[in-house]
Protein backbone atom coordinates (compact mmCIF):
# COMPACT_ATOMS: atom_id res chain seq x y z
CA MET A 1 -19.15 -4.30 -30.08
CA SER A 2 -22.25 -6.32 -29.16
CA THR A 3 -24.38 -5.64 -26.13
CA ALA A 4 -23.72 -9.14 -24.76
CA ILE A 5 -19.97 -8.61 -24.83
CA MET A 6 -20.34 -5.25 -23.13
CA LYS A 7 -22.48 -6.77 -20.40
CA ARG A 8 -19.93 -9.50 -19.79
CA LYS A 9 -17.17 -6.92 -19.44
CA THR A 10 -19.33 -4.90 -17.08
CA PHE A 11 -20.00 -7.99 -15.00
CA ILE A 12 -16.28 -8.68 -14.73
CA ILE A 13 -15.63 -5.16 -13.51
CA LEU A 14 -18.52 -5.31 -11.04
CA MET A 15 -16.99 -8.48 -9.60
CA ALA A 16 -14.22 -6.23 -8.26
CA ILE A 17 -16.20 -5.23 -5.19
CA MET A 18 -14.50 -5.60 -1.84
CA TRP A 19 -15.62 -7.81 1.04
CA THR A 20 -17.54 -6.50 4.03
CA SER A 21 -16.11 -6.29 7.53
CA ALA A 22 -17.72 -9.52 8.61
CA GLN A 23 -15.84 -11.32 5.85
CA GLN A 24 -12.62 -9.45 6.36
CA GLY A 25 -11.43 -11.90 9.01
CA SER A 26 -12.91 -15.10 7.58
CA ALA A 27 -12.38 -14.49 3.87
CA GLN A 28 -8.88 -13.04 4.10
CA SER A 29 -6.88 -13.68 0.95
CA LYS A 30 -4.70 -16.76 1.32
CA VAL A 31 -2.40 -15.45 -1.40
CA LEU A 32 -2.04 -12.06 0.27
CA ASP A 33 -1.41 -13.69 3.64
CA ASP A 34 1.32 -15.80 2.08
CA TYR A 35 2.90 -12.64 0.68
CA ILE A 36 2.76 -11.01 4.11
CA GLN A 37 4.36 -14.00 5.79
CA SER A 38 7.05 -14.00 3.11
CA ALA A 39 7.72 -10.35 3.85
CA PHE A 40 8.01 -11.15 7.57
CA ALA A 41 10.78 -13.57 6.68
CA GLN A 42 12.56 -11.57 3.97
CA ASN A 43 12.01 -7.82 4.48
CA GLN A 44 15.34 -6.15 5.20
CA GLY A 45 13.91 -3.48 7.48
CA LEU A 46 12.23 -6.14 9.61
CA LYS A 47 15.49 -8.08 9.74
CA GLN A 48 17.16 -5.00 11.21
CA GLN A 49 14.47 -4.87 13.89
CA HIS A 50 15.14 -8.52 14.73
CA PHE A 51 18.87 -7.81 14.95
CA GLN A 52 18.13 -5.12 17.52
CA LEU A 53 15.97 -7.60 19.43
CA ASP A 54 18.78 -10.17 19.42
CA LYS A 55 21.12 -7.47 20.66
CA SER A 56 18.76 -6.76 23.57
CA LEU A 57 18.65 -10.46 24.43
CA TYR A 58 22.44 -10.61 24.59
CA ALA A 59 22.46 -7.45 26.68
CA LEU A 60 20.20 -9.19 29.20
CA GLN A 61 22.55 -12.16 29.33
CA GLU A 62 25.39 -9.73 29.91
CA ALA A 63 23.52 -8.15 32.83
CA LYS A 64 22.82 -11.58 34.33
CA SER A 65 26.49 -12.52 34.13
CA LEU A 66 27.34 -9.68 36.54
CA PHE A 67 25.85 -11.74 39.39
CA TYR A 68 28.25 -14.63 38.79
CA PRO A 69 31.88 -14.88 39.97
CA GLN A 70 34.44 -13.17 37.77
CA VAL A 71 37.86 -14.83 37.50
CA GLY A 72 40.91 -13.11 36.11
CA LEU A 73 44.64 -13.79 35.91
CA THR A 74 46.94 -10.95 36.98
CA GLY A 75 50.71 -10.94 36.94
CA ASN A 76 53.53 -8.43 37.29
CA TYR A 77 57.30 -8.43 37.40
CA THR A 78 59.53 -5.61 38.71
CA LYS A 79 63.21 -4.88 38.17
CA ALA A 80 64.42 -2.00 40.32
CA GLY A 81 67.60 -0.13 41.16
CA GLY A 82 68.22 2.91 43.35
CA GLY A 83 65.56 4.77 45.17
CA ARG A 84 64.78 4.81 48.85
CA THR A 85 66.33 2.22 51.13
CA ILE A 86 66.03 0.92 54.66
CA ASP A 87 69.42 0.95 56.42
CA ILE A 88 69.91 -1.80 59.02
CA PRO A 89 73.15 -1.42 61.09
CA ILE A 90 73.42 -5.13 61.70
CA GLY A 91 77.25 -5.01 61.60
CA ASP A 92 77.50 -2.23 64.15
CA LEU A 93 75.18 -4.10 66.44
CA LEU A 94 76.59 -7.63 66.24
CA ASN A 95 80.27 -7.33 65.30
CA PRO A 96 81.48 -6.29 68.82
CA ALA A 97 79.67 -9.21 70.35
CA TYR A 98 80.97 -11.61 67.69
CA SER A 99 84.55 -10.39 68.25
CA ALA A 100 84.26 -11.01 72.00
CA LEU A 101 82.89 -14.50 71.37
CA ASN A 102 85.74 -15.32 69.01
CA GLN A 103 88.26 -14.23 71.66
CA LEU A 104 86.58 -16.29 74.34
CA THR A 105 86.42 -19.37 72.18
CA ASN A 106 89.79 -18.73 70.59
CA SER A 107 88.17 -19.35 67.18
CA SER A 108 86.64 -17.55 64.22
CA LYS A 109 83.22 -19.13 64.37
CA PHE A 110 81.48 -15.75 64.47
CA PRO A 111 82.19 -13.78 61.26
CA GLN A 112 82.12 -10.07 60.97
CA LEU A 113 78.89 -8.72 59.38
CA GLU A 114 78.33 -5.72 57.17
CA ASN A 115 75.63 -3.16 57.63
CA GLN A 116 72.66 -3.80 55.28
CA SER A 117 70.85 -1.35 52.97
CA ILE A 118 67.58 -2.79 51.53
CA LEU A 119 65.77 -1.20 48.59
CA LEU A 120 62.12 -0.34 49.18
CA ASN A 121 61.35 -1.11 45.49
CA PRO A 122 61.43 -4.89 45.00
CA ASP A 123 64.17 -5.96 42.61
CA ASN A 124 63.70 -8.98 40.32
CA PHE A 125 60.35 -9.70 41.94
CA TYR A 126 57.25 -11.35 40.42
CA ASP A 127 53.65 -11.73 41.57
CA VAL A 128 51.12 -13.90 39.66
CA HIS A 129 47.67 -14.69 41.01
CA LEU A 130 44.13 -15.68 40.04
CA ARG A 131 41.57 -13.26 41.45
CA THR A 132 37.95 -14.34 41.89
CA THR A 133 35.44 -11.62 42.68
CA LEU A 134 31.75 -11.95 43.55
CA PRO A 135 29.24 -9.17 44.25
CA LEU A 136 27.26 -9.80 47.41
CA VAL A 137 25.16 -6.64 47.58
CA ASN A 138 24.93 -4.36 44.53
CA THR A 139 21.59 -2.76 43.76
CA GLU A 140 22.89 -1.06 40.61
CA ILE A 141 23.49 -4.29 38.72
CA TRP A 142 20.14 -5.61 39.98
CA TYR A 143 18.37 -2.63 38.46
CA ALA A 144 20.52 -2.93 35.34
CA GLN A 145 19.23 -6.46 34.81
CA LYS A 146 15.60 -5.35 35.13
CA ILE A 147 16.22 -2.47 32.72
CA ARG A 148 17.70 -4.86 30.15
CA ARG A 149 14.67 -7.13 30.54
CA GLU A 150 12.33 -4.22 29.87
CA ASN A 151 14.46 -3.31 26.85
CA ILE A 152 13.68 -6.72 25.38
CA SER A 153 9.94 -6.10 25.71
CA LEU A 154 10.45 -2.64 24.25
CA GLN A 155 12.26 -4.08 21.23
CA GLN A 156 9.65 -6.82 20.79
CA ALA A 157 6.97 -4.14 20.63
CA GLY A 158 9.14 -2.30 18.10
CA VAL A 159 9.24 -5.41 15.90
CA ASN A 160 5.45 -5.64 16.00
CA VAL A 161 5.10 -1.94 15.17
CA TYR A 162 7.24 -2.47 12.09
CA LYS A 163 5.28 -5.61 11.18
CA ARG A 164 1.95 -3.80 11.31
CA ARG A 165 3.26 -0.96 9.20
CA LEU A 166 4.65 -3.51 6.77
CA VAL A 167 1.28 -5.29 6.58
CA ARG A 168 -0.45 -2.03 5.71
CA ASP A 169 2.19 -1.14 3.12
CA ILE A 170 1.99 -4.57 1.50
CA LYS A 171 -1.80 -4.49 1.30
CA THR A 172 -1.77 -0.96 -0.08
CA ALA A 173 0.86 -1.89 -2.67
CA TYR A 174 -1.10 -5.06 -3.55
CA TYR A 175 -4.29 -3.13 -4.29
CA GLN A 176 -2.39 -0.41 -6.13
CA TYR A 177 -0.94 -3.13 -8.33
CA TYR A 178 -4.44 -4.48 -8.85
CA GLN A 179 -5.71 -1.02 -9.76
CA ALA A 180 -2.82 -0.44 -12.18
CA GLY A 181 -3.47 -3.79 -13.86
CA LYS A 182 -7.16 -3.02 -14.06
CA ALA A 183 -6.34 0.29 -15.75
CA VAL A 184 -4.36 -1.60 -18.39
CA ASP A 185 -7.33 -3.91 -19.00
CA ILE A 186 -9.73 -0.96 -19.23
CA TYR A 187 -7.57 0.85 -21.75
CA ASN A 188 -7.22 -2.37 -23.75
CA THR A 189 -11.02 -2.60 -23.80
CA ALA A 190 -11.21 1.03 -24.92
CA ARG A 191 -8.72 0.25 -27.66
CA SER A 192 -10.93 -2.62 -28.86
CA GLN A 193 -13.88 -0.23 -28.94
CA VAL A 194 -11.96 2.34 -30.95
CA GLN A 195 -10.74 -0.34 -33.35
CA GLU A 196 -14.36 -1.37 -33.81
CA ASN A 197 -15.21 2.27 -34.48
CA ILE A 198 -12.44 2.43 -37.09
CA ARG A 199 -13.88 -0.64 -38.77
CA VAL A 200 -17.37 0.86 -38.80
CA ASN A 201 -16.17 4.26 -40.01
CA THR A 202 -14.10 2.61 -42.74
CA SER A 203 -17.22 0.77 -43.87
CA PHE A 204 -19.23 4.01 -43.80
CA LEU A 205 -16.56 5.78 -45.83
CA THR A 206 -16.43 2.97 -48.37
CA ASN A 207 -20.20 3.04 -48.78
CA GLY A 208 -20.25 6.83 -48.99
CA VAL A 209 -22.31 7.21 -45.84
CA THR A 210 -19.90 9.70 -44.27
CA ASN A 211 -16.69 11.54 -44.98
CA SER A 212 -13.19 10.77 -43.66
CA THR A 213 -13.43 13.11 -40.65
CA ALA A 214 -14.87 10.48 -38.32
CA LEU A 215 -12.28 7.92 -39.43
CA THR A 216 -9.44 10.38 -38.89
CA ARG A 217 -10.81 11.26 -35.43
CA ALA A 218 -11.08 7.56 -34.52
CA LYS A 219 -7.48 6.93 -35.57
CA ALA A 220 -6.32 9.90 -33.49
CA GLU A 221 -8.24 8.52 -30.52
CA LEU A 222 -6.56 5.15 -31.03
CA GLN A 223 -3.14 6.82 -30.79
CA ARG A 224 -4.16 8.57 -27.57
CA ILE A 225 -5.32 5.31 -26.04
CA GLU A 226 -2.11 3.57 -27.11
CA ALA A 227 -0.18 6.22 -25.19
CA SER A 228 -2.47 5.74 -22.18
CA ILE A 229 -1.86 1.99 -22.33
CA THR A 230 1.90 2.56 -22.30
CA GLU A 231 1.58 4.86 -19.30
CA ALA A 232 -0.70 2.42 -17.48
CA GLU A 233 1.69 -0.48 -18.12
CA ASN A 234 4.57 1.57 -16.70
CA LYS A 235 2.53 2.34 -13.60
CA LYS A 236 1.74 -1.35 -13.27
CA ARG A 237 5.43 -2.25 -13.52
CA ASN A 238 6.32 0.40 -10.92
CA ALA A 239 3.60 -0.81 -8.56
CA GLY A 240 4.79 -4.39 -8.98
CA ALA A 241 8.41 -3.39 -8.37
CA TYR A 242 7.47 -1.62 -5.12
CA PHE A 243 5.45 -4.62 -3.96
CA ASN A 244 8.38 -6.95 -4.69
CA PHE A 245 10.71 -4.51 -2.93
CA LEU A 246 8.66 -4.88 0.25
CA LEU A 247 9.04 -8.66 -0.06
CA ASN A 248 12.79 -8.34 -0.73
CA ARG A 249 12.70 -10.31 -3.95
CA ASP A 250 13.46 -9.65 -7.60
CA LEU A 251 11.65 -6.49 -8.66
CA LYS A 252 10.36 -8.17 -11.81
CA SER A 253 8.87 -11.20 -10.03
CA GLY A 254 5.32 -12.06 -10.97
CA ILE A 255 2.47 -11.18 -8.63
CA ILE A 256 -0.60 -13.36 -8.20
CA LEU A 257 -3.92 -11.53 -7.82
CA ASP A 258 -6.28 -13.61 -5.72
CA SER A 259 -9.74 -13.32 -7.26
CA THR A 260 -11.39 -14.80 -4.15
CA ILE A 261 -11.09 -11.49 -2.35
CA PHE A 262 -13.14 -9.67 -4.97
CA LEU A 263 -16.63 -10.68 -3.92
CA SER A 264 -19.73 -9.33 -5.60
CA GLN A 265 -21.37 -7.87 -2.51
CA GLU A 266 -22.43 -4.36 -1.70
CA ILE A 267 -20.51 -2.43 0.91
CA SER A 268 -22.85 -1.43 3.66
CA SER A 269 -20.99 -0.21 6.70
CA ALA A 270 -17.56 0.39 8.10
CA PRO A 271 -15.84 -2.59 9.72
CA THR A 272 -16.31 -2.72 13.44
CA GLY A 273 -14.25 -4.56 15.98
CA THR A 274 -12.47 -4.23 19.27
CA SER A 275 -9.31 -2.25 18.98
CA ASN A 276 -6.24 -3.91 20.41
CA VAL A 277 -3.63 -2.06 22.42
CA ARG A 278 -1.29 -0.38 19.98
CA GLU A 279 2.29 -1.57 20.18
CA GLU A 280 3.40 2.05 20.17
CA LEU A 281 1.64 2.48 23.53
CA GLN A 282 3.32 -0.70 24.74
CA GLN A 283 6.63 0.84 23.73
CA LEU A 284 5.89 3.99 25.70
CA SER A 285 4.76 1.91 28.66
CA ARG A 286 8.04 -0.01 28.60
CA GLN A 287 9.98 3.23 28.26
CA GLN A 288 8.17 4.56 31.30
CA LYS A 289 9.09 1.46 33.30
CA ILE A 290 12.70 1.81 32.17
CA ALA A 291 12.70 5.46 33.23
CA ASP A 292 11.22 4.49 36.61
CA LEU A 293 13.86 1.79 37.09
CA THR A 294 16.56 4.27 36.11
CA TYR A 295 15.20 6.65 38.72
CA ARG A 296 15.35 3.93 41.37
CA GLN A 297 18.80 2.94 40.21
CA SER A 298 20.02 6.50 40.59
CA LYS A 299 18.82 6.49 44.21
CA SER A 300 20.35 3.12 45.00
CA TYR A 301 23.61 4.80 46.04
CA LEU A 302 22.11 4.91 49.54
CA VAL A 303 22.59 1.13 49.70
CA PRO A 304 26.25 0.17 50.22
CA LYS A 305 27.97 -2.17 47.79
CA LEU A 306 29.48 -5.31 49.24
CA SER A 307 31.68 -7.80 47.39
CA THR A 308 34.22 -10.48 48.18
CA PHE A 309 37.40 -11.65 46.49
CA LEU A 310 39.89 -14.52 46.68
CA ASP A 311 43.47 -14.46 45.34
CA LEU A 312 45.43 -17.66 44.68
CA GLY A 313 48.96 -17.02 43.48
CA SER A 314 52.72 -17.09 43.86
CA GLN A 315 55.27 -14.32 44.52
CA ASP A 316 59.01 -14.37 45.13
CA PHE A 317 62.37 -13.08 43.91
CA ASN A 318 64.33 -14.52 41.00
CA PHE A 319 61.28 -16.44 39.69
CA LYS A 320 61.39 -18.93 42.52
CA VAL A 321 58.32 -21.13 42.87
CA ASN A 322 58.06 -23.25 46.02
CA SER A 323 55.90 -23.76 49.05
CA GLN A 324 57.07 -20.45 50.47
CA SER A 325 56.14 -18.45 47.36
CA ARG A 326 52.57 -19.75 47.05
CA TYR A 327 49.89 -17.82 48.87
CA TYR A 328 46.16 -17.08 49.10
CA MET A 329 44.35 -13.92 50.12
CA TRP A 330 40.64 -13.55 50.83
CA GLY A 331 38.81 -10.38 51.67
CA VAL A 332 35.60 -8.37 51.62
CA ASN A 333 35.16 -4.97 49.96
CA LEU A 334 32.69 -2.35 51.13
CA GLN A 335 31.83 0.76 49.12
CA TRP A 336 29.38 3.31 50.43
CA ASP A 337 29.10 6.67 48.69
CA LEU A 338 28.23 9.13 51.43
CA PHE A 339 28.85 12.46 49.74
CA ALA A 340 29.17 13.51 46.09
CA ALA A 341 28.14 17.17 46.15
CA GLY A 342 24.57 16.34 45.09
CA GLN A 343 25.51 14.51 41.87
CA ARG A 344 23.37 11.49 42.68
CA LYS A 345 20.43 13.64 43.74
CA TYR A 346 20.48 15.66 40.53
CA LYS A 347 20.75 12.51 38.47
CA ALA A 348 17.70 11.10 40.25
CA GLN A 349 15.77 14.30 39.56
CA GLN A 350 16.58 14.02 35.86
CA ALA A 351 15.28 10.45 35.84
CA ALA A 352 12.10 11.58 37.60
CA ILE A 353 11.54 14.19 34.87
CA ASP A 354 11.98 11.47 32.24
CA VAL A 355 9.19 9.47 33.90
CA SER A 356 6.82 12.44 33.76
CA ASN A 357 7.83 13.25 30.18
CA ILE A 358 7.11 9.72 28.96
CA GLN A 359 3.75 9.74 30.75
CA ALA A 360 2.82 12.92 28.89
CA ALA A 361 3.95 11.32 25.61
CA TYR A 362 1.82 8.25 26.40
CA ASN A 363 -1.28 10.38 26.95
CA GLU A 364 -0.67 12.32 23.75
CA ALA A 365 -0.06 9.14 21.71
CA SER A 366 -3.20 7.51 23.10
CA LEU A 367 -5.29 10.47 22.00
CA SER A 368 -3.59 10.65 18.60
CA PHE A 369 -4.32 6.96 17.96
CA GLN A 370 -7.97 7.57 18.73
CA LEU A 371 -7.90 10.41 16.21
CA GLU A 372 -6.13 8.15 13.70
CA GLN A 373 -8.77 5.47 14.05
CA GLN A 374 -11.64 7.94 13.74
CA THR A 375 -10.02 9.51 10.68
CA ALA A 376 -9.48 6.09 9.10
CA GLU A 377 -13.14 5.20 9.66
CA ASN A 378 -14.27 8.51 8.15
CA ASN A 379 -12.00 7.94 5.17
CA TYR A 380 -13.53 4.49 4.81
CA HIS A 381 -17.04 5.94 4.71
CA THR A 382 -15.89 8.43 2.07
CA ALA A 383 -14.25 5.68 0.02
CA VAL A 384 -17.41 3.54 0.23
CA ALA A 385 -19.54 6.46 -0.91
CA ASN A 386 -17.18 7.10 -3.81
CA PHE A 387 -17.24 3.42 -4.71
CA ASN A 388 -21.03 3.25 -4.73
CA SER A 389 -21.16 6.43 -6.79
CA ALA A 390 -18.60 5.03 -9.25
CA HIS A 391 -20.64 1.83 -9.44
CA GLU A 392 -23.78 3.74 -10.39
CA GLN A 393 -21.90 5.94 -12.84
CA LEU A 394 -20.49 2.88 -14.54
CA GLN A 395 -23.92 1.37 -15.01
CA LEU A 396 -25.28 4.61 -16.41
CA SER A 397 -22.25 5.10 -18.66
CA GLU A 398 -22.58 1.54 -19.91
CA LYS A 399 -26.23 2.05 -20.83
CA TYR A 400 -25.51 5.44 -22.38
CA TYR A 401 -22.72 4.06 -24.55
CA ASN A 402 -24.80 1.10 -25.71
CA ASP A 403 -27.63 3.44 -26.72
CA GLN A 404 -25.31 5.85 -28.49
CA SER A 405 -23.53 3.01 -30.27
CA LYS A 406 -26.80 1.69 -31.68
CA VAL A 407 -27.81 5.13 -32.89
CA TYR A 408 -24.40 5.75 -34.44
CA LYS A 409 -24.41 2.45 -36.32
CA ALA A 410 -27.79 3.46 -37.68
CA GLY A 411 -26.15 6.59 -39.05
CA GLN A 412 -28.17 8.96 -36.86
CA LEU A 413 -25.39 10.23 -34.57
CA LEU A 414 -22.21 12.21 -34.95
CA TYR A 415 -19.02 10.34 -34.19
CA ILE A 416 -17.94 13.00 -31.70
CA GLU A 417 -20.99 12.16 -29.60
CA LEU A 418 -20.19 8.45 -29.71
CA LEU A 419 -16.60 9.23 -28.74
CA ASP A 420 -17.82 11.29 -25.80
CA ALA A 421 -19.92 8.35 -24.61
CA GLN A 422 -16.98 5.99 -25.02
CA ASN A 423 -14.68 8.28 -23.00
CA GLN A 424 -17.30 8.54 -20.28
CA LEU A 425 -17.47 4.75 -20.12
CA THR A 426 -13.68 4.39 -19.95
CA ASN A 427 -13.41 7.03 -17.24
CA ALA A 428 -16.22 5.38 -15.27
CA ARG A 429 -14.41 2.06 -15.38
CA LEU A 430 -11.16 3.68 -14.30
CA GLN A 431 -12.94 5.52 -11.50
CA LEU A 432 -14.48 2.29 -10.25
CA SER A 433 -11.09 0.56 -10.09
CA VAL A 434 -9.60 3.59 -8.31
CA ALA A 435 -12.51 3.67 -5.86
CA PHE A 436 -12.13 -0.06 -5.21
CA ALA A 437 -8.43 0.34 -4.39
CA ALA A 438 -9.26 3.33 -2.18
CA VAL A 439 -11.75 1.26 -0.17
CA GLN A 440 -9.23 -1.53 0.26
CA THR A 441 -6.57 0.95 1.34
CA ALA A 442 -8.99 2.52 3.80
CA LEU A 443 -9.69 -0.92 5.23
CA ALA A 444 -5.95 -1.52 5.63
CA ASP A 445 -5.67 1.82 7.45
CA ILE A 446 -8.49 0.85 9.82
CA GLU A 447 -6.86 -2.51 10.43
CA ARG A 448 -3.61 -0.71 11.23
CA ALA A 449 -5.35 1.80 13.53
CA GLN A 450 -7.11 -1.02 15.38
CA ALA A 451 -4.00 -3.24 15.44
CA SER A 452 -6.34 -6.07 14.48
CA TYR A 453 -4.17 -8.06 12.09
CA LYS A 454 -2.99 -11.26 13.76
CA LEU A 455 0.79 -11.22 13.75
């Protein structure tokens, strides 16, 4: 293989150098951003988060509805027989008087009456009415509404937490796919080199310059590289399938690699920027507010509950409906829990402990996120150092292989030495692609730790 071709291949590989932090915001890959936005719309896990958010929104509407009048239709019918009665001796009381009146008037205008026995249970009686109720004073439902509102903010923060994790996973998978594809290209280049060696060794053997040992070794090396190509292609397919899985699309869909993000610039320093408030801390803050509201709600039993109601209905015997059967009833209900053997107090104490517990969790999470960011930055520095080292090793390996190739073609070098130089070159190229993906992944981790990606 000529030196010019080797230099062109080296230049292509060196083009795979990541952007610096100053360009990270301005030169963000349009293709990668489109993939991320597609994942926001299609990822199944994110859809589940949105379903939970919608559920919280409906829960808030439910809490608001408790402040409005509630109207319900109630009806009952009773058929009774036997049981307790009220005895009214109306005959014993009036019959003597009626008999005297009949004698005085010489008539029968005043009939004889029987004593009455009235059942206490109503027989053949119905009662149907519309009841409208309205809470006037109820601190529990007021706190319930505020808790539901905080739940919405909590769920919104949860959606953003999932989005940021998804962004990091997509970027990591994208660069892993790039690295896997680069490995396939590198092994294909190595195969071309070995095929060139086979051609040269065949020519040497034909001309009697060398024996068949070098040719046999070259053919064996070709078989090894063919196996490596198969393995690399499988890794590329797996990386592509995982990337498509995150986007919730066909696992065999093609993936576009945006070359504009591979800028030929040296990496100098770790990206710097103002860290945003992590959504996880926002979640804990909302949880703390919910716990505080729950604590206040548990102490709201000291405030009496006051409500009003209005019944519009009809009741009578034998299903009669007339002006006498229709009725209305209005009233006011008062409920004031004065004693419950300390149940409310203990419940309030539990809520107070929840507030303190969440505060401790908030402090711990805040410190852990600082550690996460510092670790991500340190990993970035390590990845940059490895990348720069791989870059230098590739240049040296390239020069070493070119020199050894010239000497071998002149018949002054053993093939095993040329093969060693070729393997060093292949490994250096693979190491550079791995180091490049590691730098990109470290950048994605820093972006996640800083919560800097614009959702």
